[in-house]
Amino acid sequence: MNTILIGIIVANVLFSYKGFNDYAFFRKYEFHIGSIRAGEQIRMLSSGFLHVDILHLVFNMYTLWMFAPVVSDALGDFSFVLVYFGSLIFGSLLTMLFHKDDYSYRAVGASGAVTGVLYSAILLQPDMMLGIFYVIPMPAYVFGILYLLYSIYGMKAKNDNIGHTAHFGGAVGGYLITLIKMPSLITDHSLMTILLAVPIIILFGMAKLGKL
C-alpha cells in the first residue's frame, strides 16, 4: 500500500512542480471545458495531477495520506486505486455535466480523487472521529454530510474559484465504488449509508428542478 500511495503522491508532486514552473505545460493539461469538448479528453485525467500552488498540493496530499490507509486496509490495494482514479473521473464527468456550456471554465487539483477517498473512508468507518482544524472533534459521517451540503451551496452561489462540482463528483464516485466493492455496508451501516446519500439526492433533485 505504501508504495502505491507514495507513487501517487510523487506523481502529483512532480506533475504539479512542472506546472508551477511551466505556464504552457499548466495550460496544456488543466481542466478546460472548451478544450475537452474540442477533443482533448486527456485533460479530464491530467488536471487531477496539477495544483494551483504549494498549499493546494500539500493540503490534498496530506488528506490523501491520512485517509488512504483506511480504504486500502478495508478494500485492498487494487480497490484503493480504483476508488482514487474512479473518483477523479467522476469529478471530471460531473463537472462536464454541470458546466458543459461554459467553454471558459477551468480547474485543476486532485480534490475530486481525494474527496472520493475521504468519502470512501467515512463510509467504511462512519464512527471514526475527525479533528476539524485539529481541535474540534466531529464524527466522520457528520463531516461528510456537511461537506457535500457546503459543496451544493458553493455550486449554487458561484462566488469563489473552488471546484465544488469536482469535489462532489469525487464523493459520489467514492461512495458508489465503495458500495459496489463492499455491498455488505448497506446492511451493516444502513443508516449511515442512507444519511451519506442524502446530499447526493438533494443535488440531483435541485439539478432536475433547475435550482442550480
C-alpha atoms as a PDB file:
ATOM      1  CA  MET A   1       0.000   0.000   0.000  1.00  0.00           C
ATOM      2  CA  ASN A   2       2.720   2.450   0.948  1.00  0.00           C
ATOM      3  CA  THR A   3       4.379   2.008  -2.440  1.00  0.00           C
ATOM      4  CA  ILE A   4       1.150   2.721  -4.321  1.00  0.00           C
ATOM      5  CA  LEU A   5       0.241   5.702  -2.166  1.00  0.00           C
ATOM      6  CA  ILE A   6       3.742   7.147  -2.348  1.00  0.00           C
ATOM      7  CA  GLY A   7       3.726   6.639  -6.124  1.00  0.00           C
ATOM      8  CA  ILE A   8       0.501   8.655  -6.456  1.00  0.00           C
ATOM      9  CA  ILE A   9       1.828  11.412  -4.200  1.00  0.00           C
ATOM     10  CA  VAL A  10       5.150  11.573  -6.091  1.00  0.00           C
ATOM     11  CA  ALA A  11       3.282  11.788  -9.408  1.00  0.00           C
ATOM     12  CA  ASN A  12       1.202  14.695  -8.044  1.00  0.00           C
ATOM     13  CA  VAL A  13       4.284  16.480  -6.725  1.00  0.00           C
ATOM     14  CA  LEU A  14       6.325  16.099  -9.928  1.00  0.00           C
ATOM     15  CA  PHE A  15       3.455  16.995 -12.284  1.00  0.00           C
ATOM     16  CA  SER A  16       2.414  19.968 -10.133  1.00  0.00           C
ATOM     17  CA  TYR A  17       6.015  21.203  -9.786  1.00  0.00           C
ATOM     18  CA  LYS A  18       6.357  21.126 -13.566  1.00  0.00           C
ATOM     19  CA  GLY A  19       3.141  23.142 -13.806  1.00  0.00           C
ATOM     20  CA  PHE A  20       4.348  25.675 -11.241  1.00  0.00           C
ATOM     21  CA  ASN A  21       7.367  26.449 -13.409  1.00  0.00           C
ATOM     22  CA  ASP A  22       5.977  25.963 -16.914  1.00  0.00           C
ATOM     23  CA  TYR A  23       2.855  28.008 -17.691  1.00  0.00           C
ATOM     24  CA  ALA A  24       2.439  26.440 -21.144  1.00  0.00           C
ATOM     25  CA  PHE A  25       2.521  22.955 -19.582  1.00  0.00           C
ATOM     26  CA  PHE A  26      -0.036  24.022 -16.968  1.00  0.00           C
ATOM     27  CA  ARG A  27      -2.390  25.379 -19.616  1.00  0.00           C
ATOM     28  CA  LYS A  28      -1.971  22.305 -21.806  1.00  0.00           C
ATOM     29  CA  TYR A  29      -3.073  19.839 -19.112  1.00  0.00           C
ATOM     30  CA  GLU A  30      -5.529  21.789 -16.928  1.00  0.00           C
ATOM     31  CA  PHE A  31      -9.258  21.051 -16.976  1.00  0.00           C
ATOM     32  CA  HIS A  32     -10.766  23.345 -19.623  1.00  0.00           C
ATOM     33  CA  ILE A  33     -14.270  22.781 -20.963  1.00  0.00           C
ATOM     34  CA  GLY A  34     -13.608  24.280 -24.390  1.00  0.00           C
ATOM     35  CA  SER A  35     -10.506  22.164 -25.000  1.00  0.00           C
ATOM     36  CA  ILE A  36     -12.127  18.973 -23.719  1.00  0.00           C
ATOM     37  CA  ARG A  37     -15.128  19.478 -25.963  1.00  0.00           C
ATOM     38  CA  ALA A  38     -12.695  20.006 -28.832  1.00  0.00           C
ATOM     39  CA  GLY A  39     -11.312  16.507 -28.234  1.00  0.00           C
ATOM     40  CA  GLU A  40      -8.647  16.846 -25.533  1.00  0.00           C
ATOM     41  CA  GLN A  41     -10.171  14.330 -23.110  1.00  0.00           C
ATOM     42  CA  ILE A  42      -6.762  13.663 -21.513  1.00  0.00           C
ATOM     43  CA  ARG A  43      -7.329  16.873 -19.531  1.00  0.00           C
ATOM     44  CA  MET A  44     -10.064  15.105 -17.537  1.00  0.00           C
ATOM     45  CA  LEU A  45      -7.310  12.948 -16.030  1.00  0.00           C
ATOM     46  CA  SER A  46      -4.206  15.129 -16.226  1.00  0.00           C
ATOM     47  CA  SER A  47      -5.866  18.086 -14.460  1.00  0.00           C
ATOM     48  CA  GLY A  48      -6.122  15.905 -11.359  1.00  0.00           C
ATOM     49  CA  PHE A  49      -2.324  15.956 -11.033  1.00  0.00           C
ATOM     50  CA  LEU A  50      -1.922  19.727 -11.330  1.00  0.00           C
ATOM     51  CA  HIS A  51      -2.316  22.194  -8.460  1.00  0.00           C
ATOM     52  CA  VAL A  52      -2.552  25.971  -8.203  1.00  0.00           C
ATOM     53  CA  ASP A  53       0.179  26.337  -5.592  1.00  0.00           C
ATOM     54  CA  ILE A  54       2.184  24.526  -2.906  1.00  0.00           C
ATOM     55  CA  LEU A  55      -0.513  24.961  -0.241  1.00  0.00           C
ATOM     56  CA  HIS A  56      -3.154  23.445  -2.523  1.00  0.00           C
ATOM     57  CA  LEU A  57      -0.852  20.492  -3.255  1.00  0.00           C
ATOM     58  CA  VAL A  58       0.174  19.912   0.376  1.00  0.00           C
ATOM     59  CA  PHE A  59      -3.411  20.037   1.660  1.00  0.00           C
ATOM     60  CA  ASN A  60      -4.608  17.470  -0.876  1.00  0.00           C
ATOM     61  CA  MET A  61      -1.654  15.122  -0.379  1.00  0.00           C
ATOM     62  CA  TYR A  62      -1.859  15.324   3.417  1.00  0.00           C
ATOM     63  CA  THR A  63      -5.577  14.471   3.325  1.00  0.00           C
ATOM     64  CA  LEU A  64      -4.853  11.570   0.972  1.00  0.00           C
ATOM     65  CA  TRP A  65      -2.053  10.298   3.231  1.00  0.00           C
ATOM     66  CA  MET A  66      -4.385  10.345   6.245  1.00  0.00           C
ATOM     67  CA  PHE A  67      -7.354   8.502   4.731  1.00  0.00           C
ATOM     68  CA  ALA A  68      -5.927   6.239   2.021  1.00  0.00           C
ATOM     69  CA  PRO A  69      -4.846   3.551   4.556  1.00  0.00           C
ATOM     70  CA  VAL A  70      -8.447   3.200   5.794  1.00  0.00           C
ATOM     71  CA  VAL A  71      -9.593   2.389   2.260  1.00  0.00           C
ATOM     72  CA  SER A  72      -6.699   0.094   1.332  1.00  0.00           C
ATOM     73  CA  ASP A  73      -6.865  -1.825   4.619  1.00  0.00           C
ATOM     74  CA  ALA A  74     -10.577  -2.490   4.170  1.00  0.00           C
ATOM     75  CA  LEU A  75     -10.828  -2.999   0.400  1.00  0.00           C
ATOM     76  CA  GLY A  76      -7.286  -3.855  -0.734  1.00  0.00           C
ATOM     77  CA  ASP A  77      -4.716  -2.010  -2.807  1.00  0.00           C
ATOM     78  CA  PHE A  78      -6.402  -2.547  -6.178  1.00  0.00           C
ATOM     79  CA  SER A  79      -9.719  -1.222  -4.919  1.00  0.00           C
ATOM     80  CA  PHE A  80      -7.981   1.798  -3.379  1.00  0.00           C
ATOM     81  CA  VAL A  81      -6.514   2.644  -6.798  1.00  0.00           C
ATOM     82  CA  LEU A  82      -9.973   2.111  -8.318  1.00  0.00           C
ATOM     83  CA  VAL A  83     -11.538   4.484  -5.779  1.00  0.00           C
ATOM     84  CA  TYR A  84      -8.844   7.115  -6.376  1.00  0.00           C
ATOM     85  CA  PHE A  85      -8.935   7.180 -10.158  1.00  0.00           C
ATOM     86  CA  GLY A  86     -12.648   6.407 -10.357  1.00  0.00           C
ATOM     87  CA  SER A  87     -13.401   9.392  -8.124  1.00  0.00           C
ATOM     88  CA  LEU A  88     -11.100  11.601 -10.195  1.00  0.00           C
ATOM     89  CA  ILE A  89     -13.012  10.666 -13.360  1.00  0.00           C
ATOM     90  CA  PHE A  90     -16.407  11.005 -11.622  1.00  0.00           C
ATOM     91  CA  GLY A  91     -15.404  14.514 -10.562  1.00  0.00           C
ATOM     92  CA  SER A  92     -14.421  15.437 -14.118  1.00  0.00           C
ATOM     93  CA  LEU A  93     -17.587  13.920 -15.604  1.00  0.00           C
ATOM     94  CA  LEU A  94     -19.882  15.740 -13.168  1.00  0.00           C
ATOM     95  CA  THR A  95     -18.022  18.983 -13.869  1.00  0.00           C
ATOM     96  CA  MET A  96     -18.532  18.414 -17.595  1.00  0.00           C
ATOM     97  CA  LEU A  97     -22.215  17.744 -16.998  1.00  0.00           C
ATOM     98  CA  PHE A  98     -22.818  20.906 -14.954  1.00  0.00           C
ATOM     99  CA  HIS A  99     -20.519  23.257 -16.905  1.00  0.00           C
ATOM    100  CA  LYS A 100     -20.775  21.854 -20.441  1.00  0.00           C
ATOM    101  CA  ASP A 101     -21.846  25.187 -21.915  1.00  0.00           C
ATOM    102  CA  ASP A 102     -19.274  27.276 -20.051  1.00  0.00           C
ATOM    103  CA  TYR A 103     -16.428  26.925 -22.525  1.00  0.00           C
ATOM    104  CA  SER A 104     -14.084  29.106 -20.437  1.00  0.00           C
ATOM    105  CA  TYR A 105     -14.414  27.012 -17.245  1.00  0.00           C
ATOM    106  CA  ARG A 106     -11.009  25.921 -15.902  1.00  0.00           C
ATOM    107  CA  ALA A 107      -9.966  23.876 -12.878  1.00  0.00           C
ATOM    108  CA  VAL A 108      -7.051  21.837 -11.504  1.00  0.00           C
ATOM    109  CA  GLY A 109      -6.348  19.686  -8.485  1.00  0.00           C
ATOM    110  CA  ALA A 110      -6.590  16.203  -7.035  1.00  0.00           C
ATOM    111  CA  SER A 111      -9.520  17.299  -4.865  1.00  0.00           C
ATOM    112  CA  GLY A 112     -12.061  15.108  -6.668  1.00  0.00           C
ATOM    113  CA  ALA A 113      -9.936  11.980  -6.220  1.00  0.00           C
ATOM    114  CA  VAL A 114      -9.005  12.861  -2.642  1.00  0.00           C
ATOM    115  CA  THR A 115     -12.611  13.631  -1.710  1.00  0.00           C
ATOM    116  CA  GLY A 116     -13.599  10.245  -3.131  1.00  0.00           C
ATOM    117  CA  VAL A 117     -11.030   8.525  -0.908  1.00  0.00           C
ATOM    118  CA  LEU A 118     -12.220  10.584   2.073  1.00  0.00           C
ATOM    119  CA  TYR A 119     -15.874   9.690   1.444  1.00  0.00           C
ATOM    120  CA  SER A 120     -14.963   6.022   0.972  1.00  0.00           C
ATOM    121  CA  ALA A 121     -13.126   6.060   4.312  1.00  0.00           C
ATOM    122  CA  ILE A 122     -16.103   7.712   6.009  1.00  0.00           C
ATOM    123  CA  LEU A 123     -18.434   5.059   4.572  1.00  0.00           C
ATOM    124  CA  LEU A 124     -16.126   2.272   5.753  1.00  0.00           C
ATOM    125  CA  GLN A 125     -15.627   3.759   9.219  1.00  0.00           C
ATOM    126  CA  PRO A 126     -18.506   6.180   9.846  1.00  0.00           C
ATOM    127  CA  ASP A 127     -17.878   6.188  13.598  1.00  0.00           C
ATOM    128  CA  MET A 128     -14.297   7.476  13.337  1.00  0.00           C
ATOM    129  CA  MET A 129     -13.681  10.965  14.663  1.00  0.00           C
ATOM    130  CA  LEU A 130     -12.117  13.790  12.693  1.00  0.00           C
ATOM    131  CA  GLY A 131     -10.314  16.747  14.243  1.00  0.00           C
ATOM    132  CA  ILE A 132     -11.623  19.819  12.441  1.00  0.00           C
ATOM    133  CA  PHE A 133      -8.798  22.394  12.442  1.00  0.00           C
ATOM    134  CA  TYR A 134      -7.038  19.753  14.607  1.00  0.00           C
ATOM    135  CA  VAL A 135      -9.137  20.935  17.559  1.00  0.00           C
ATOM    136  CA  ILE A 136     -12.894  20.439  17.064  1.00  0.00           C
ATOM    137  CA  PRO A 137     -13.915  16.739  17.275  1.00  0.00           C
ATOM    138  CA  MET A 138     -16.588  15.692  14.774  1.00  0.00           C
ATOM    139  CA  PRO A 139     -17.938  12.269  13.718  1.00  0.00           C
ATOM    140  CA  ALA A 140     -16.772  11.435  10.184  1.00  0.00           C
ATOM    141  CA  TYR A 141     -20.294  10.968   8.823  1.00  0.00           C
ATOM    142  CA  VAL A 142     -21.374  14.419  10.065  1.00  0.00           C
ATOM    143  CA  PHE A 143     -18.362  15.967   8.351  1.00  0.00           C
ATOM    144  CA  GLY A 144     -19.158  14.104   5.115  1.00  0.00           C
ATOM    145  CA  ILE A 145     -22.761  15.325   5.043  1.00  0.00           C
ATOM    146  CA  LEU A 146     -21.851  18.928   5.910  1.00  0.00           C
ATOM    147  CA  TYR A 147     -19.046  18.934   3.341  1.00  0.00           C
ATOM    148  CA  LEU A 148     -21.353  17.935   0.497  1.00  0.00           C
ATOM    149  CA  LEU A 149     -24.080  20.347   1.593  1.00  0.00           C
ATOM    150  CA  TYR A 150     -21.450  23.109   1.545  1.00  0.00           C
ATOM    151  CA  SER A 151     -20.399  21.969  -1.930  1.00  0.00           C
ATOM    152  CA  ILE A 152     -24.006  22.291  -3.128  1.00  0.00           C
ATOM    153  CA  TYR A 153     -24.091  25.818  -1.696  1.00  0.00           C
ATOM    154  CA  GLY A 154     -20.829  26.658  -3.453  1.00  0.00           C
ATOM    155  CA  MET A 155     -22.099  25.275  -6.766  1.00  0.00           C
ATOM    156  CA  LYS A 156     -25.239  27.381  -6.471  1.00  0.00           C
ATOM    157  CA  ALA A 157     -23.586  30.580  -5.179  1.00  0.00           C
ATOM    158  CA  LYS A 158     -20.706  30.519  -7.693  1.00  0.00           C
ATOM    159  CA  ASN A 159     -18.907  33.151  -5.613  1.00  0.00           C
ATOM    160  CA  ASP A 160     -15.435  31.583  -5.441  1.00  0.00           C
ATOM    161  CA  ASN A 161     -12.922  29.737  -7.599  1.00  0.00           C
ATOM    162  CA  ILE A 162     -13.195  26.409  -5.799  1.00  0.00           C
ATOM    163  CA  GLY A 163     -14.132  23.398  -7.954  1.00  0.00           C
ATOM    164  CA  HIS A 164     -17.084  22.339  -5.810  1.00  0.00           C
ATOM    165  CA  THR A 165     -18.523  20.228  -8.620  1.00  0.00           C
ATOM    166  CA  ALA A 166     -15.373  18.088  -8.839  1.00  0.00           C
ATOM    167  CA  HIS A 167     -15.397  17.636  -5.058  1.00  0.00           C
ATOM    168  CA  PHE A 168     -18.994  16.490  -5.197  1.00  0.00           C
ATOM    169  CA  GLY A 169     -18.407  14.207  -8.182  1.00  0.00           C
ATOM    170  CA  GLY A 170     -15.435  12.655  -6.400  1.00  0.00           C
ATOM    171  CA  ALA A 171     -17.519  11.994  -3.303  1.00  0.00           C
ATOM    172  CA  VAL A 172     -20.230  10.340  -5.424  1.00  0.00           C
ATOM    173  CA  GLY A 173     -17.587   8.190  -7.095  1.00  0.00           C
ATOM    174  CA  GLY A 174     -16.015   7.123  -3.806  1.00  0.00           C
ATOM    175  CA  TYR A 175     -19.456   6.370  -2.351  1.00  0.00           C
ATOM    176  CA  LEU A 176     -20.673   4.240  -5.262  1.00  0.00           C
ATOM    177  CA  ILE A 177     -17.419   2.352  -5.870  1.00  0.00           C
ATOM    178  CA  THR A 178     -17.116   1.509  -2.174  1.00  0.00           C
ATOM    179  CA  LEU A 179     -20.674   0.148  -2.032  1.00  0.00           C
ATOM    180  CA  ILE A 180     -20.083  -1.897  -5.185  1.00  0.00           C
ATOM    181  CA  LYS A 181     -16.892  -3.368  -3.744  1.00  0.00           C
ATOM    182  CA  MET A 182     -18.412  -3.961  -0.291  1.00  0.00           C
ATOM    183  CA  PRO A 183     -22.238  -4.181  -0.603  1.00  0.00           C
ATOM    184  CA  SER A 184     -22.467  -5.543   2.951  1.00  0.00           C
ATOM    185  CA  LEU A 185     -22.081  -1.926   4.117  1.00  0.00           C
ATOM    186  CA  ILE A 186     -25.676  -1.326   3.017  1.00  0.00           C
ATOM    187  CA  THR A 187     -26.899  -3.685   5.749  1.00  0.00           C
ATOM    188  CA  ASP A 188     -24.051  -3.306   8.237  1.00  0.00           C
ATOM    189  CA  HIS A 189     -24.135   0.511   8.196  1.00  0.00           C
ATOM    190  CA  SER A 190     -27.578   1.016   6.665  1.00  0.00           C
ATOM    191  CA  LEU A 191     -28.433   4.254   8.492  1.00  0.00           C
ATOM    192  CA  MET A 192     -25.080   5.847   7.645  1.00  0.00           C
ATOM    193  CA  THR A 193     -25.337   4.678   4.039  1.00  0.00           C
ATOM    194  CA  ILE A 194     -28.693   6.429   3.751  1.00  0.00           C
ATOM    195  CA  LEU A 195     -27.550   9.583   5.567  1.00  0.00           C
ATOM    196  CA  LEU A 196     -24.474   9.945   3.357  1.00  0.00           C
ATOM    197  CA  ALA A 197     -26.695   9.586   0.288  1.00  0.00           C
ATOM    198  CA  VAL A 198     -28.974  12.482   1.320  1.00  0.00           C
ATOM    199  CA  PRO A 199     -26.759  15.311  -0.070  1.00  0.00           C
ATOM    200  CA  ILE A 200     -26.354  13.363  -3.337  1.00  0.00           C
ATOM    201  CA  ILE A 201     -30.137  13.047  -3.696  1.00  0.00           C
ATOM    202  CA  ILE A 202     -30.577  16.748  -2.865  1.00  0.00           C
ATOM    203  CA  LEU A 203     -28.037  17.765  -5.517  1.00  0.00           C
ATOM    204  CA  PHE A 204     -29.604  15.827  -8.358  1.00  0.00           C
ATOM    205  CA  GLY A 205     -33.080  16.854  -7.223  1.00  0.00           C
ATOM    206  CA  MET A 206     -32.065  20.517  -7.376  1.00  0.00           C
ATOM    207  CA  ALA A 207     -30.460  19.973 -10.792  1.00  0.00           C
ATOM    208  CA  LYS A 208     -33.642  18.320 -12.068  1.00  0.00           C
ATOM    209  CA  LEU A 209     -35.703  21.268 -10.840  1.00  0.00           C
ATOM    210  CA  GLY A 210     -33.265  23.780 -12.351  1.00  0.00           C
ATOM    211  CA  LYS A 211     -32.278  25.176  -8.963  1.00  0.00           C
ATOM    212  CA  LEU A 212     -28.501  25.126  -9.603  1.00  0.00           C
END
